[in-house]
Every structure is written in structure tokens, then in C-alpha cells.
PDB file of N, CA and C in Angstrom:
ATOM      1  N   UNK A   1       0.819  -1.186   0.000  1.00  0.00           N
ATOM      2  CA  UNK A   1       0.000   0.000   0.000  1.00  0.00           C
ATOM      3  C   UNK A   1       0.871   1.262   0.000  1.00  0.00           C
ATOM      4  N   UNK A   2       1.693   1.436   1.004  1.00  0.00           N
ATOM      5  CA  UNK A   2       2.584   2.597   1.082  1.00  0.00           C
ATOM      6  C   UNK A   2       3.983   2.191   0.645  1.00  0.00           C
ATOM      7  N   UNK A   3       4.746   3.163   0.166  1.00  0.00           N
ATOM      8  CA  UNK A   3       6.131   2.904  -0.205  1.00  0.00           C
ATOM      9  C   UNK A   3       7.052   3.713   0.701  1.00  0.00           C
ATOM     10  N   UNK A   4       8.304   3.299   0.740  1.00  0.00           N
ATOM     11  CA  UNK A   4       9.281   4.041   1.546  1.00  0.00           C
ATOM     12  C   UNK A   4       9.424   5.465   1.017  1.00  0.00           C
ATOM     13  N   UNK A   5       9.317   5.655  -0.289  1.00  0.00           N
ATOM     14  CA  UNK A   5       9.414   7.003  -0.861  1.00  0.00           C
ATOM     15  C   UNK A   5       8.288   7.891  -0.343  1.00  0.00           C
ATOM     16  N   UNK A   6       7.086   7.357  -0.252  1.00  0.00           N
ATOM     17  CA  UNK A   6       5.965   8.148   0.261  1.00  0.00           C
ATOM     18  C   UNK A   6       6.199   8.526   1.725  1.00  0.00           C
ATOM     19  N   UNK A   7       6.741   7.593   2.491  1.00  0.00           N
ATOM     20  CA  UNK A   7       7.049   7.886   3.888  1.00  0.00           C
ATOM     21  C   UNK A   7       8.114   8.969   3.974  1.00  0.00           C
ATOM     22  N   UNK A   8       9.153   8.845   3.165  1.00  0.00           N
ATOM     23  CA  UNK A   8      10.214   9.860   3.155  1.00  0.00           C
ATOM     24  C   UNK A   8       9.678  11.219   2.728  1.00  0.00           C
ATOM     25  N   UNK A   9       8.774  11.226   1.742  1.00  0.00           N
ATOM     26  CA  UNK A   9       8.164  12.481   1.283  1.00  0.00           C
ATOM     27  C   UNK A   9       7.359  13.136   2.399  1.00  0.00           C
ATOM     28  N   UNK A  10       6.604  12.330   3.151  1.00  0.00           N
ATOM     29  CA  UNK A  10       5.809  12.897   4.242  1.00  0.00           C
ATOM     30  C   UNK A  10       6.714  13.430   5.341  1.00  0.00           C
ATOM     31  N   UNK A  11       7.793  12.714   5.629  1.00  0.00           N
ATOM     32  CA  UNK A  11       8.751  13.218   6.627  1.00  0.00           C
ATOM     33  C   UNK A  11       9.320  14.564   6.183  1.00  0.00           C
ATOM     34  N   UNK A  12       9.652  14.683   4.906  1.00  0.00           N
ATOM     35  CA  UNK A  12      10.169  15.945   4.379  1.00  0.00           C
ATOM     36  C   UNK A  12       9.116  17.040   4.458  1.00  0.00           C
ATOM     37  N   UNK A  13       7.872  16.677   4.176  1.00  0.00           N
ATOM     38  CA  UNK A  13       6.773  17.633   4.259  1.00  0.00           C
ATOM     39  C   UNK A  13       6.625  18.149   5.689  1.00  0.00           C
ATOM     40  N   UNK A  14       6.673  17.244   6.660  1.00  0.00           N
ATOM     41  CA  UNK A  14       6.565  17.643   8.062  1.00  0.00           C
ATOM     42  C   UNK A  14       7.719  18.574   8.425  1.00  0.00           C
ATOM     43  N   UNK A  15       8.923  18.225   7.986  1.00  0.00           N
ATOM     44  CA  UNK A  15      10.097  19.043   8.293  1.00  0.00           C
ATOM     45  C   UNK A  15      10.019  20.432   7.661  1.00  0.00           C
ATOM     46  N   UNK A  16       9.362  20.516   6.498  1.00  0.00           N
ATOM     47  CA  UNK A  16       9.283  21.804   5.797  1.00  0.00           C
ATOM     48  C   UNK A  16       8.201  22.721   6.362  1.00  0.00           C
ATOM     49  N   UNK A  17       7.252  22.132   7.092  1.00  0.00           N
ATOM     50  CA  UNK A  17       6.157  22.928   7.632  1.00  0.00           C
ATOM     51  C   UNK A  17       4.973  23.068   6.689  1.00  0.00           C
ATOM     52  N   UNK A  18       5.066  22.468   5.488  1.00  0.00           N
ATOM     53  CA  UNK A  18       3.945  22.521   4.542  1.00  0.00           C
ATOM     54  C   UNK A  18       2.823  21.618   5.027  1.00  0.00           C
ATOM     55  N   UNK A  19       1.635  21.796   4.478  1.00  0.00           N
ATOM     56  CA  UNK A  19       0.495  20.999   4.917  1.00  0.00           C
ATOM     57  C   UNK A  19      -0.212  20.256   3.800  1.00  0.00           C
ATOM     58  N   UNK A  20       0.286  20.329   2.572  1.00  0.00           N
ATOM     59  CA  UNK A  20      -0.337  19.630   1.457  1.00  0.00           C
ATOM     60  C   UNK A  20       0.701  18.773   0.755  1.00  0.00           C
ATOM     61  N   UNK A  21       0.306  17.558   0.412  1.00  0.00           N
ATOM     62  CA  UNK A  21       1.199  16.653  -0.315  1.00  0.00           C
ATOM     63  C   UNK A  21       0.407  15.991  -1.434  1.00  0.00           C
ATOM     64  N   UNK A  22       1.069  15.736  -2.560  1.00  0.00           N
ATOM     65  CA  UNK A  22       0.450  15.054  -3.696  1.00  0.00           C
ATOM     66  C   UNK A  22       1.352  13.910  -4.125  1.00  0.00           C
ATOM     67  N   UNK A  23       0.732  12.790  -4.488  1.00  0.00           N
ATOM     68  CA  UNK A  23       1.452  11.642  -5.014  1.00  0.00           C
ATOM     69  C   UNK A  23       0.974  11.406  -6.430  1.00  0.00           C
ATOM     70  N   UNK A  24       1.945  11.138  -7.324  1.00  0.00           N
ATOM     71  CA  UNK A  24       1.573  10.857  -8.701  1.00  0.00           C
ATOM     72  C   UNK A  24       1.201   9.395  -8.823  1.00  0.00           C
ATOM     73  N   UNK A  25       0.293   9.104  -9.705  1.00  0.00           N
ATOM     74  CA  UNK A  25      -0.382   7.829  -9.829  1.00  0.00           C
ATOM     75  C   UNK A  25       0.474   6.680 -10.261  1.00  0.00           C
ATOM     76  N   UNK A  26      -0.150   5.613 -10.662  1.00  0.00           N
ATOM     77  CA  UNK A  26      -1.570   5.383 -10.417  1.00  0.00           C
ATOM     78  C   UNK A  26      -1.786   4.771  -9.039  1.00  0.00           C
ATOM     79  N   UNK A  27      -2.721   5.064  -8.304  1.00  0.00           N
ATOM     80  CA  UNK A  27      -3.612   6.205  -8.511  1.00  0.00           C
ATOM     81  C   UNK A  27      -2.972   7.463  -7.941  1.00  0.00           C
ATOM     82  N   UNK A  28      -3.141   8.553  -8.613  1.00  0.00           N
ATOM     83  CA  UNK A  28      -2.663   9.824  -8.102  1.00  0.00           C
ATOM     84  C   UNK A  28      -3.546  10.272  -6.956  1.00  0.00           C
ATOM     85  N   UNK A  29      -2.963  10.850  -5.967  1.00  0.00           N
ATOM     86  CA  UNK A  29      -3.769  11.334  -4.840  1.00  0.00           C
ATOM     87  C   UNK A  29      -3.074  12.505  -4.177  1.00  0.00           C
ATOM     88  N   UNK A  30      -3.830  13.288  -3.489  1.00  0.00           N
ATOM     89  CA  UNK A  30      -3.281  14.394  -2.719  1.00  0.00           C
ATOM     90  C   UNK A  30      -4.135  14.578  -1.478  1.00  0.00           C
ATOM     91  N   UNK A  31      -3.544  15.173  -0.465  1.00  0.00           N
ATOM     92  CA  UNK A  31      -4.308  15.459   0.736  1.00  0.00           C
ATOM     93  C   UNK A  31      -3.739  16.684   1.428  1.00  0.00           C
ATOM     94  N   UNK A  32      -4.571  17.309   2.206  1.00  0.00           N
ATOM     95  CA  UNK A  32      -4.177  18.449   3.014  1.00  0.00           C
ATOM     96  C   UNK A  32      -4.419  18.099   4.473  1.00  0.00           C
ATOM     97  N   UNK A  33      -3.384  18.231   5.270  1.00  0.00           N
ATOM     98  CA  UNK A  33      -3.498  17.953   6.696  1.00  0.00           C
ATOM     99  C   UNK A  33      -3.833  19.243   7.422  1.00  0.00           C
ATOM    100  N   UNK A  34      -4.588  19.110   8.475  1.00  0.00           N
ATOM    101  CA  UNK A  34      -5.009  20.286   9.223  1.00  0.00           C
ATOM    102  C   UNK A  34      -4.062  20.628  10.355  1.00  0.00           C
ATOM    103  N   UNK A  35      -3.219  19.681  10.743  1.00  0.00           N
ATOM    104  CA  UNK A  35      -2.322  19.959  11.860  1.00  0.00           C
ATOM    105  C   UNK A  35      -1.104  19.054  11.795  1.00  0.00           C
ATOM    106  N   UNK A  36      -0.087  19.433  12.535  1.00  0.00           N
ATOM    107  CA  UNK A  36       1.111  18.610  12.650  1.00  0.00           C
ATOM    108  C   UNK A  36       0.756  17.262  13.273  1.00  0.00           C
ATOM    109  N   UNK A  37      -0.120  17.276  14.235  1.00  0.00           N
ATOM    110  CA  UNK A  37      -0.545  16.040  14.897  1.00  0.00           C
ATOM    111  C   UNK A  37      -1.166  15.065  13.891  1.00  0.00           C
ATOM    112  N   UNK A  38      -1.976  15.585  12.980  1.00  0.00           N
ATOM    113  CA  UNK A  38      -2.601  14.747  11.962  1.00  0.00           C
ATOM    114  C   UNK A  38      -1.550  14.147  11.024  1.00  0.00           C
ATOM    115  N   UNK A  39      -0.555  14.937  10.636  1.00  0.00           N
ATOM    116  CA  UNK A  39       0.497  14.424   9.762  1.00  0.00           C
ATOM    117  C   UNK A  39       1.333  13.364  10.475  1.00  0.00           C
ATOM    118  N   UNK A  40       1.613  13.570  11.753  1.00  0.00           N
ATOM    119  CA  UNK A  40       2.382  12.592  12.507  1.00  0.00           C
ATOM    120  C   UNK A  40       1.605  11.281  12.662  1.00  0.00           C
ATOM    121  N   UNK A  41       0.302  11.385  12.848  1.00  0.00           N
ATOM    122  CA  UNK A  41      -0.529  10.183  12.946  1.00  0.00           C
ATOM    123  C   UNK A  41      -0.521   9.423  11.620  1.00  0.00           C
ATOM    124  N   UNK A  42      -0.620  10.142  10.504  1.00  0.00           N
ATOM    125  CA  UNK A  42      -0.567   9.503   9.195  1.00  0.00           C
ATOM    126  C   UNK A  42       0.790   8.842   8.984  1.00  0.00           C
ATOM    127  N   UNK A  43       1.856   9.510   9.366  1.00  0.00           N
ATOM    128  CA  UNK A  43       3.196   8.945   9.224  1.00  0.00           C
ATOM    129  C   UNK A  43       3.320   7.644  10.020  1.00  0.00           C
ATOM    130  N   UNK A  44       2.821   7.632  11.235  1.00  0.00           N
ATOM    131  CA  UNK A  44       2.873   6.417  12.059  1.00  0.00           C
ATOM    132  C   UNK A  44       2.097   5.283  11.398  1.00  0.00           C
ATOM    133  N   UNK A  45       0.942   5.590  10.826  1.00  0.00           N
ATOM    134  CA  UNK A  45       0.142   4.579  10.123  1.00  0.00           C
ATOM    135  C   UNK A  45       0.895   4.042   8.916  1.00  0.00           C
ATOM    136  N   UNK A  46       1.491   4.931   8.152  1.00  0.00           N
ATOM    137  CA  UNK A  46       2.232   4.516   6.965  1.00  0.00           C
ATOM    138  C   UNK A  46       3.410   3.616   7.323  1.00  0.00           C
ATOM    139  N   UNK A  47       4.168   3.995   8.342  1.00  0.00           N
ATOM    140  CA  UNK A  47       5.327   3.214   8.761  1.00  0.00           C
ATOM    141  C   UNK A  47       4.890   1.828   9.237  1.00  0.00           C
ATOM    142  N   UNK A  48       3.829   1.768  10.032  1.00  0.00           N
ATOM    143  CA  UNK A  48       3.329   0.478  10.532  1.00  0.00           C
ATOM    144  C   UNK A  48       2.825  -0.397   9.386  1.00  0.00           C
ATOM    145  N   UNK A  49       2.095   0.198   8.442  1.00  0.00           N
ATOM    146  CA  UNK A  49       1.586  -0.570   7.298  1.00  0.00           C
ATOM    147  C   UNK A  49       2.728  -1.135   6.458  1.00  0.00           C
ATOM    148  N   UNK A  50       3.738  -0.321   6.203  1.00  0.00           N
ATOM    149  CA  UNK A  50       4.870  -0.783   5.405  1.00  0.00           C
ATOM    150  C   UNK A  50       5.620  -1.893   6.141  1.00  0.00           C
ATOM    151  N   UNK A  51       5.771  -1.767   7.443  1.00  0.00           N
ATOM    152  CA  UNK A  51       6.449  -2.800   8.225  1.00  0.00           C
ATOM    153  C   UNK A  51       5.678  -4.122   8.148  1.00  0.00           C
ATOM    154  N   UNK A  52       4.348  -4.053   8.212  1.00  0.00           N
ATOM    155  CA  UNK A  52       3.541  -5.269   8.088  1.00  0.00           C
ATOM    156  C   UNK A  52       3.700  -5.895   6.705  1.00  0.00           C
ATOM    157  N   UNK A  53       3.729  -5.058   5.672  1.00  0.00           N
ATOM    158  CA  UNK A  53       3.897  -5.561   4.308  1.00  0.00           C
ATOM    159  C   UNK A  53       5.229  -6.283   4.151  1.00  0.00           C
ATOM    160  N   UNK A  54       6.252  -5.757   4.799  1.00  0.00           N
ATOM    161  CA  UNK A  54       7.590  -6.314   4.665  1.00  0.00           C
ATOM    162  C   UNK A  54       7.866  -7.415   5.686  1.00  0.00           C
ATOM    163  N   UNK A  55       6.908  -7.661   6.569  1.00  0.00           N
ATOM    164  CA  UNK A  55       7.095  -8.693   7.577  1.00  0.00           C
ATOM    165  C   UNK A  55       8.022  -8.292   8.698  1.00  0.00           C
ATOM    166  N   UNK A  56       8.215  -6.982   8.888  1.00  0.00           N
ATOM    167  CA  UNK A  56       9.116  -6.498   9.937  1.00  0.00           C
ATOM    168  C   UNK A  56       8.369  -5.813  11.067  1.00  0.00           C
ATOM    169  N   UNK A  57       7.048  -5.977  11.076  1.00  0.00           N
ATOM    170  CA  UNK A  57       6.235  -5.352  12.121  1.00  0.00           C
ATOM    171  C   UNK A  57       6.580  -5.957  13.471  1.00  0.00           C
ATOM    172  N   UNK A  58       6.799  -5.106  14.459  1.00  0.00           N
ATOM    173  CA  UNK A  58       7.111  -5.570  15.800  1.00  0.00           C
ATOM    174  C   UNK A  58       5.922  -5.312  16.700  1.00  0.00           C
ATOM    175  N   UNK A  59       5.615  -6.277  17.515  1.00  0.00           N
ATOM    176  CA  UNK A  59       4.563  -6.071  18.502  1.00  0.00           C
ATOM    177  C   UNK A  59       5.158  -6.307  19.874  1.00  0.00           C
ATOM    178  N   UNK A  60       4.585  -5.679  20.848  1.00  0.00           N
ATOM    179  CA  UNK A  60       5.096  -5.757  22.205  1.00  0.00           C
ATOM    180  C   UNK A  60       3.974  -6.158  23.147  1.00  0.00           C
ATOM    181  N   UNK A  61       4.322  -6.909  24.158  1.00  0.00           N
ATOM    182  CA  UNK A  61       3.391  -7.232  25.224  1.00  0.00           C
ATOM    183  C   UNK A  61       3.962  -6.688  26.513  1.00  0.00           C
ATOM    184  N   UNK A  62       3.138  -6.020  27.258  1.00  0.00           N
ATOM    185  CA  UNK A  62       3.568  -5.464  28.528  1.00  0.00           C
ATOM    186  C   UNK A  62       2.869  -6.207  29.649  1.00  0.00           C
ATOM    187  N   UNK A  63       3.642  -6.556  30.662  1.00  0.00           N
ATOM    188  CA  UNK A  63       3.068  -7.227  31.822  1.00  0.00           C
ATOM    189  C   UNK A  63       2.645  -6.182  32.849  1.00  0.00           C
ATOM    190  N   UNK A  64       1.603  -6.488  33.568  1.00  0.00           N
ATOM    191  CA  UNK A  64       1.187  -5.585  34.634  1.00  0.00           C
ATOM    192  C   UNK A  64       0.833  -6.410  35.850  1.00  0.00           C
ATOM    193  N   UNK A  65       0.933  -5.768  36.989  1.00  0.00           N
ATOM    194  CA  UNK A  65       0.624  -6.426  38.244  1.00  0.00           C
ATOM    195  C   UNK A  65      -0.120  -5.452  39.128  1.00  0.00           C
ATOM    196  N   UNK A  66      -1.136  -5.926  39.783  1.00  0.00           N
ATOM    197  CA  UNK A  66      -1.904  -5.046  40.669  1.00  0.00           C
ATOM    198  C   UNK A  66      -1.191  -4.795  41.978  1.00  0.00           C
ATOM    199  N   UNK A  67      -0.351  -5.742  42.387  1.00  0.00           N
ATOM    200  CA  UNK A  67       0.310  -5.611  43.684  1.00  0.00           C
ATOM    201  C   UNK A  67       1.719  -5.028  43.560  1.00  0.00           C
ATOM    202  N   UNK A  68       2.247  -4.925  42.364  1.00  0.00           N
ATOM    203  CA  UNK A  68       3.600  -4.419  42.202  1.00  0.00           C
ATOM    204  C   UNK A  68       4.610  -5.552  42.283  1.00  0.00           C
ATOM    205  N   UNK A  69       5.867  -5.215  42.184  1.00  0.00           N
ATOM    206  CA  UNK A  69       6.924  -6.211  42.210  1.00  0.00           C
ATOM    207  C   UNK A  69       7.254  -6.603  43.646  1.00  0.00           C
ATOM    208  N   UNK A  70       7.494  -7.881  43.858  1.00  0.00           N
ATOM    209  CA  UNK A  70       7.975  -8.367  45.132  1.00  0.00           C
ATOM    210  C   UNK A  70       6.965  -8.392  46.260  1.00  0.00           C
ATOM    211  N   UNK A  71       5.685  -8.219  45.966  1.00  0.00           N
ATOM    212  CA  UNK A  71       4.704  -8.260  47.048  1.00  0.00           C
ATOM    213  C   UNK A  71       3.747  -9.389  46.856  1.00  0.00           C
TER     214      UNK A  71
END
């Protein structure tokens, strides 16, 4: 779905402070982000999707305890 080039382009867009990006097709698409937070969320989604496509997605499990350690 996403390519490393698209991820790199979005990172460059975030660094430049611009809010609109266009990708040439097929399919061609463009979008305008309303905030830095929105662009960062999209970047995180793109990176995770690409990692899943490449089989490099990492997942983590965290342990929790109600009583704490050693009690």
C-alpha cells in the first residue's frame, strides 16, 4: 500500500512545515493535513503498514501487576 518514498516524502513535508502533499499515480492522490498532529498520525500509520507488508512489524506485550513487584 505505502512505499518508503511516500514515507520519506511525508517526513520531508513535516520538516518543511507545509500541509499539502500530492502523489503521482496510479492512482494519483493528494491530501491536506489540518495539523502537525494529523500528519504525525498519518506517518505512524504509513510506517506500521509498510512494516507489516515487509514482515518487519514488531509487537510488544507489557506485563502488569496489581500488587507491584515483590509483594
